[in-house]
Amino acid sequence: MVKFSLIFLSFLFAFNSFAEDNFYKERKDMVYNQIIKRGIKDKKVINAMLKVKRHLFVPKNLQKLAYKDSPLPIGENQTISQPYIVALMTELLELKETDKF
């Protein structure tokens, strides 16, 4: 638990510029409680989850739910996966800086 907390705190200090957006606290809490506590360790994945403004990818009326631990509808019978699943799938890819898509 202490190791997770230290990793999380290091990212908070590195990304305090994100504090200006309205959903920063929700995103920070999501990363700590749903991502780090569940075992995601890849710093680049954690960094990406802190940076990406998930609320911008869902309809306005659902933005307040964007950082909850659940998938959300995004239209056309599609959903955005819950944050942990996104982080897990991304970590499992073991991406390197040289990888291209």
N, C-alpha and C. Protein backbone atom coordinates (compact mmCIF):
# COMPACT_ATOMS: atom_id res chain seq x y z
N MET A 1 0.82 -1.20 0.00
CA MET A 1 0.00 0.00 0.00
C MET A 1 0.86 1.26 0.00
N VAL A 2 1.94 1.25 0.78
CA VAL A 2 2.82 2.41 0.84
C VAL A 2 3.45 2.68 -0.52
N LYS A 3 3.87 1.61 -1.21
CA LYS A 3 4.49 1.77 -2.53
C LYS A 3 3.51 2.42 -3.51
N PHE A 4 2.24 1.96 -3.51
CA PHE A 4 1.23 2.55 -4.38
C PHE A 4 1.05 4.03 -4.06
N SER A 5 1.01 4.36 -2.78
CA SER A 5 0.82 5.75 -2.36
C SER A 5 1.97 6.61 -2.83
N LEU A 6 3.19 6.11 -2.73
CA LEU A 6 4.34 6.88 -3.17
C LEU A 6 4.33 7.10 -4.67
N ILE A 7 3.97 6.07 -5.42
CA ILE A 7 3.87 6.22 -6.88
C ILE A 7 2.82 7.27 -7.21
N PHE A 8 1.68 7.17 -6.56
CA PHE A 8 0.59 8.10 -6.82
C PHE A 8 1.00 9.52 -6.49
N LEU A 9 1.63 9.74 -5.35
CA LEU A 9 2.04 11.09 -4.95
C LEU A 9 3.06 11.67 -5.92
N SER A 10 3.95 10.84 -6.44
CA SER A 10 4.92 11.35 -7.40
C SER A 10 4.24 11.87 -8.66
N PHE A 11 3.16 11.20 -9.07
CA PHE A 11 2.43 11.67 -10.24
C PHE A 11 1.64 12.94 -9.94
N LEU A 12 1.15 13.06 -8.74
CA LEU A 12 0.42 14.28 -8.39
C LEU A 12 1.31 15.49 -8.48
N PHE A 13 2.51 15.39 -7.98
CA PHE A 13 3.42 16.52 -8.03
C PHE A 13 3.81 16.84 -9.47
N ALA A 14 3.98 15.83 -10.27
CA ALA A 14 4.39 16.03 -11.66
C ALA A 14 3.29 16.66 -12.50
N PHE A 15 2.04 16.46 -12.12
CA PHE A 15 0.93 16.91 -12.96
C PHE A 15 0.01 17.90 -12.26
N ASN A 16 0.56 18.74 -11.39
CA ASN A 16 -0.30 19.70 -10.69
C ASN A 16 -0.91 20.73 -11.64
N SER A 17 -0.38 20.85 -12.85
CA SER A 17 -0.97 21.78 -13.81
C SER A 17 -2.35 21.34 -14.26
N PHE A 18 -2.67 20.06 -14.07
CA PHE A 18 -3.99 19.57 -14.45
C PHE A 18 -5.06 19.99 -13.44
N ALA A 19 -4.64 20.49 -12.30
CA ALA A 19 -5.57 20.83 -11.23
C ALA A 19 -6.55 21.92 -11.65
N GLU A 20 -6.24 22.63 -12.70
CA GLU A 20 -7.11 23.71 -13.13
C GLU A 20 -8.39 23.22 -13.80
N ASP A 21 -8.41 22.01 -14.31
CA ASP A 21 -9.64 21.57 -14.96
C ASP A 21 -10.64 21.06 -13.92
N ASN A 22 -11.91 21.16 -14.23
CA ASN A 22 -12.99 20.88 -13.28
C ASN A 22 -13.06 19.43 -12.82
N PHE A 23 -12.52 18.51 -13.58
CA PHE A 23 -12.62 17.10 -13.25
C PHE A 23 -11.29 16.52 -12.75
N TYR A 24 -10.33 17.36 -12.44
CA TYR A 24 -9.03 16.85 -12.02
C TYR A 24 -9.13 15.97 -10.78
N LYS A 25 -9.86 16.43 -9.78
CA LYS A 25 -9.98 15.66 -8.53
C LYS A 25 -10.60 14.29 -8.80
N GLU A 26 -11.65 14.24 -9.61
CA GLU A 26 -12.29 12.97 -9.94
C GLU A 26 -11.32 12.05 -10.68
N ARG A 27 -10.54 12.63 -11.61
CA ARG A 27 -9.58 11.84 -12.39
C ARG A 27 -8.48 11.31 -11.47
N LYS A 28 -7.97 12.16 -10.59
CA LYS A 28 -6.93 11.77 -9.64
C LYS A 28 -7.43 10.65 -8.73
N ASP A 29 -8.63 10.80 -8.20
CA ASP A 29 -9.22 9.76 -7.34
C ASP A 29 -9.42 8.46 -8.11
N MET A 30 -9.87 8.57 -9.37
CA MET A 30 -10.07 7.39 -10.21
C MET A 30 -8.75 6.65 -10.38
N VAL A 31 -7.69 7.38 -10.69
CA VAL A 31 -6.39 6.75 -10.92
C VAL A 31 -5.91 6.04 -9.65
N TYR A 32 -6.04 6.69 -8.53
CA TYR A 32 -5.56 6.06 -7.29
C TYR A 32 -6.43 4.86 -6.90
N ASN A 33 -7.73 5.06 -6.84
CA ASN A 33 -8.64 4.03 -6.32
C ASN A 33 -8.94 2.90 -7.30
N GLN A 34 -9.02 3.21 -8.58
CA GLN A 34 -9.40 2.19 -9.55
C GLN A 34 -8.22 1.60 -10.31
N ILE A 35 -7.15 2.36 -10.43
CA ILE A 35 -6.03 1.93 -11.27
C ILE A 35 -4.86 1.43 -10.40
N ILE A 36 -4.31 2.30 -9.60
CA ILE A 36 -3.14 1.95 -8.80
C ILE A 36 -3.48 0.90 -7.75
N LYS A 37 -4.56 1.09 -7.02
CA LYS A 37 -4.92 0.13 -5.96
C LYS A 37 -5.20 -1.26 -6.51
N ARG A 38 -5.57 -1.36 -7.78
CA ARG A 38 -5.86 -2.66 -8.37
C ARG A 38 -4.65 -3.29 -9.03
N GLY A 39 -3.50 -2.64 -8.92
CA GLY A 39 -2.27 -3.28 -9.35
C GLY A 39 -1.65 -2.78 -10.64
N ILE A 40 -2.19 -1.76 -11.26
CA ILE A 40 -1.55 -1.22 -12.46
C ILE A 40 -0.28 -0.50 -12.00
N LYS A 41 0.86 -0.88 -12.61
CA LYS A 41 2.15 -0.34 -12.18
C LYS A 41 2.88 0.46 -13.25
N ASP A 42 2.50 0.29 -14.49
CA ASP A 42 3.19 0.96 -15.58
C ASP A 42 3.00 2.48 -15.45
N LYS A 43 4.11 3.17 -15.22
CA LYS A 43 4.04 4.62 -14.99
C LYS A 43 3.47 5.38 -16.18
N LYS A 44 3.74 4.88 -17.38
CA LYS A 44 3.21 5.56 -18.57
C LYS A 44 1.70 5.40 -18.66
N VAL A 45 1.19 4.25 -18.27
CA VAL A 45 -0.26 4.04 -18.26
C VAL A 45 -0.89 4.93 -17.21
N ILE A 46 -0.31 4.97 -16.03
CA ILE A 46 -0.83 5.82 -14.96
C ILE A 46 -0.81 7.28 -15.39
N ASN A 47 0.28 7.69 -16.00
CA ASN A 47 0.42 9.05 -16.50
C ASN A 47 -0.68 9.37 -17.53
N ALA A 48 -0.90 8.45 -18.44
CA ALA A 48 -1.92 8.65 -19.47
C ALA A 48 -3.31 8.76 -18.85
N MET A 49 -3.59 7.91 -17.87
CA MET A 49 -4.90 7.95 -17.22
C MET A 49 -5.10 9.26 -16.46
N LEU A 50 -4.03 9.84 -15.94
CA LEU A 50 -4.12 11.14 -15.29
C LEU A 50 -4.34 12.27 -16.30
N LYS A 51 -3.74 12.12 -17.47
CA LYS A 51 -3.80 13.18 -18.48
C LYS A 51 -5.10 13.21 -19.27
N VAL A 52 -5.60 12.03 -19.64
CA VAL A 52 -6.75 11.97 -20.55
C VAL A 52 -8.02 12.43 -19.84
N LYS A 53 -8.66 13.40 -20.42
CA LYS A 53 -9.89 13.96 -19.86
C LYS A 53 -11.07 13.13 -20.36
N ARG A 54 -11.32 12.05 -19.66
CA ARG A 54 -12.34 11.08 -20.04
C ARG A 54 -13.72 11.72 -20.22
N HIS A 55 -14.01 12.74 -19.46
CA HIS A 55 -15.32 13.39 -19.53
C HIS A 55 -15.58 14.01 -20.91
N LEU A 56 -14.53 14.27 -21.67
CA LEU A 56 -14.71 14.85 -22.99
C LEU A 56 -15.15 13.81 -24.03
N PHE A 57 -15.12 12.53 -23.66
CA PHE A 57 -15.47 11.46 -24.58
C PHE A 57 -16.87 10.90 -24.36
N VAL A 58 -17.61 11.50 -23.43
CA VAL A 58 -18.97 11.04 -23.15
C VAL A 58 -19.94 12.20 -23.35
N PRO A 59 -21.21 11.90 -23.57
CA PRO A 59 -22.20 12.97 -23.73
C PRO A 59 -22.22 13.90 -22.49
N LYS A 60 -22.52 15.15 -22.72
CA LYS A 60 -22.52 16.14 -21.63
C LYS A 60 -23.33 15.70 -20.43
N ASN A 61 -24.49 15.09 -20.67
CA ASN A 61 -25.35 14.71 -19.54
C ASN A 61 -24.76 13.56 -18.71
N LEU A 62 -23.69 12.91 -19.19
CA LEU A 62 -23.06 11.83 -18.45
C LEU A 62 -21.66 12.19 -17.94
N GLN A 63 -21.23 13.42 -18.20
CA GLN A 63 -19.87 13.79 -17.82
C GLN A 63 -19.59 13.64 -16.33
N LYS A 64 -20.59 13.88 -15.50
CA LYS A 64 -20.37 13.74 -14.06
C LYS A 64 -20.10 12.30 -13.65
N LEU A 65 -20.38 11.34 -14.53
CA LEU A 65 -20.15 9.92 -14.26
C LEU A 65 -18.88 9.39 -14.94
N ALA A 66 -18.18 10.24 -15.65
CA ALA A 66 -17.06 9.80 -16.50
C ALA A 66 -15.95 9.09 -15.76
N TYR A 67 -15.75 9.39 -14.49
CA TYR A 67 -14.63 8.81 -13.74
C TYR A 67 -15.07 7.73 -12.76
N LYS A 68 -16.30 7.30 -12.88
CA LYS A 68 -16.81 6.21 -12.05
C LYS A 68 -16.32 4.87 -12.59
N ASP A 69 -16.43 3.85 -11.78
CA ASP A 69 -15.94 2.52 -12.13
C ASP A 69 -16.98 1.74 -12.93
N SER A 70 -17.31 2.27 -14.10
CA SER A 70 -18.28 1.59 -14.95
C SER A 70 -18.17 2.10 -16.38
N PRO A 71 -18.59 1.26 -17.33
CA PRO A 71 -18.64 1.73 -18.72
C PRO A 71 -19.78 2.72 -18.87
N LEU A 72 -19.71 3.55 -19.90
CA LEU A 72 -20.76 4.54 -20.16
C LEU A 72 -21.12 4.52 -21.64
N PRO A 73 -22.38 4.74 -21.95
CA PRO A 73 -22.79 4.81 -23.37
C PRO A 73 -22.23 6.07 -24.02
N ILE A 74 -21.79 5.92 -25.27
CA ILE A 74 -21.26 7.08 -26.00
C ILE A 74 -22.00 7.29 -27.32
N GLY A 75 -23.09 6.57 -27.51
CA GLY A 75 -23.88 6.72 -28.73
C GLY A 75 -23.67 5.57 -29.69
N GLU A 76 -24.58 5.45 -30.65
CA GLU A 76 -24.51 4.41 -31.68
C GLU A 76 -24.35 3.01 -31.08
N ASN A 77 -25.02 2.76 -29.95
CA ASN A 77 -24.94 1.48 -29.25
C ASN A 77 -23.52 1.07 -28.86
N GLN A 78 -22.67 2.06 -28.60
CA GLN A 78 -21.29 1.83 -28.19
C GLN A 78 -21.10 2.33 -26.76
N THR A 79 -20.06 1.81 -26.09
CA THR A 79 -19.74 2.28 -24.74
C THR A 79 -18.25 2.59 -24.65
N ILE A 80 -17.92 3.43 -23.69
CA ILE A 80 -16.53 3.65 -23.32
C ILE A 80 -16.30 2.72 -22.12
N SER A 81 -15.26 1.92 -22.19
CA SER A 81 -15.00 0.93 -21.14
C SER A 81 -14.68 1.60 -19.82
N GLN A 82 -14.88 0.83 -18.73
CA GLN A 82 -14.56 1.38 -17.41
C GLN A 82 -13.06 1.66 -17.35
N PRO A 83 -12.65 2.66 -16.58
CA PRO A 83 -11.25 3.08 -16.55
C PRO A 83 -10.25 1.96 -16.25
N TYR A 84 -10.56 1.10 -15.29
CA TYR A 84 -9.62 0.03 -14.95
C TYR A 84 -9.37 -0.88 -16.14
N ILE A 85 -10.42 -1.23 -16.87
CA ILE A 85 -10.26 -2.13 -18.03
C ILE A 85 -9.38 -1.46 -19.09
N VAL A 86 -9.57 -0.17 -19.31
CA VAL A 86 -8.73 0.57 -20.27
C VAL A 86 -7.27 0.51 -19.81
N ALA A 87 -7.03 0.78 -18.52
CA ALA A 87 -5.66 0.76 -17.99
C ALA A 87 -5.06 -0.65 -18.08
N LEU A 88 -5.82 -1.66 -17.73
CA LEU A 88 -5.33 -3.03 -17.77
C LEU A 88 -4.96 -3.46 -19.19
N MET A 89 -5.86 -3.21 -20.13
CA MET A 89 -5.59 -3.60 -21.52
C MET A 89 -4.35 -2.86 -22.05
N THR A 90 -4.23 -1.59 -21.68
CA THR A 90 -3.08 -0.80 -22.14
C THR A 90 -1.79 -1.32 -21.53
N GLU A 91 -1.81 -1.62 -20.23
CA GLU A 91 -0.61 -2.15 -19.58
C GLU A 91 -0.20 -3.49 -20.18
N LEU A 92 -1.17 -4.34 -20.46
CA LEU A 92 -0.88 -5.66 -21.02
C LEU A 92 -0.24 -5.60 -22.41
N LEU A 93 -0.45 -4.49 -23.11
CA LEU A 93 0.19 -4.32 -24.43
C LEU A 93 1.70 -4.17 -24.32
N GLU A 94 2.19 -3.74 -23.14
CA GLU A 94 3.61 -3.52 -22.91
C GLU A 94 4.22 -2.66 -24.03
N LEU A 95 3.58 -1.53 -24.29
CA LEU A 95 4.01 -0.65 -25.37
C LEU A 95 5.39 -0.04 -25.08
N LYS A 96 6.12 0.15 -26.16
CA LYS A 96 7.43 0.81 -26.08
C LYS A 96 7.36 2.10 -26.89
N GLU A 97 8.27 2.99 -26.62
CA GLU A 97 8.29 4.28 -27.33
C GLU A 97 8.39 4.11 -28.84
N THR A 98 8.99 3.03 -29.28
CA THR A 98 9.20 2.82 -30.71
C THR A 98 8.01 2.15 -31.41
N ASP A 99 7.00 1.72 -30.65
CA ASP A 99 5.84 1.06 -31.24
C ASP A 99 5.03 2.06 -32.06
N LYS A 100 4.56 1.60 -33.22
CA LYS A 100 3.76 2.43 -34.12
C LYS A 100 2.46 1.69 -34.44
N PHE A 101 1.41 2.46 -34.67
CA PHE A 101 0.13 1.86 -35.04
C PHE A 101 -0.36 2.40 -36.33
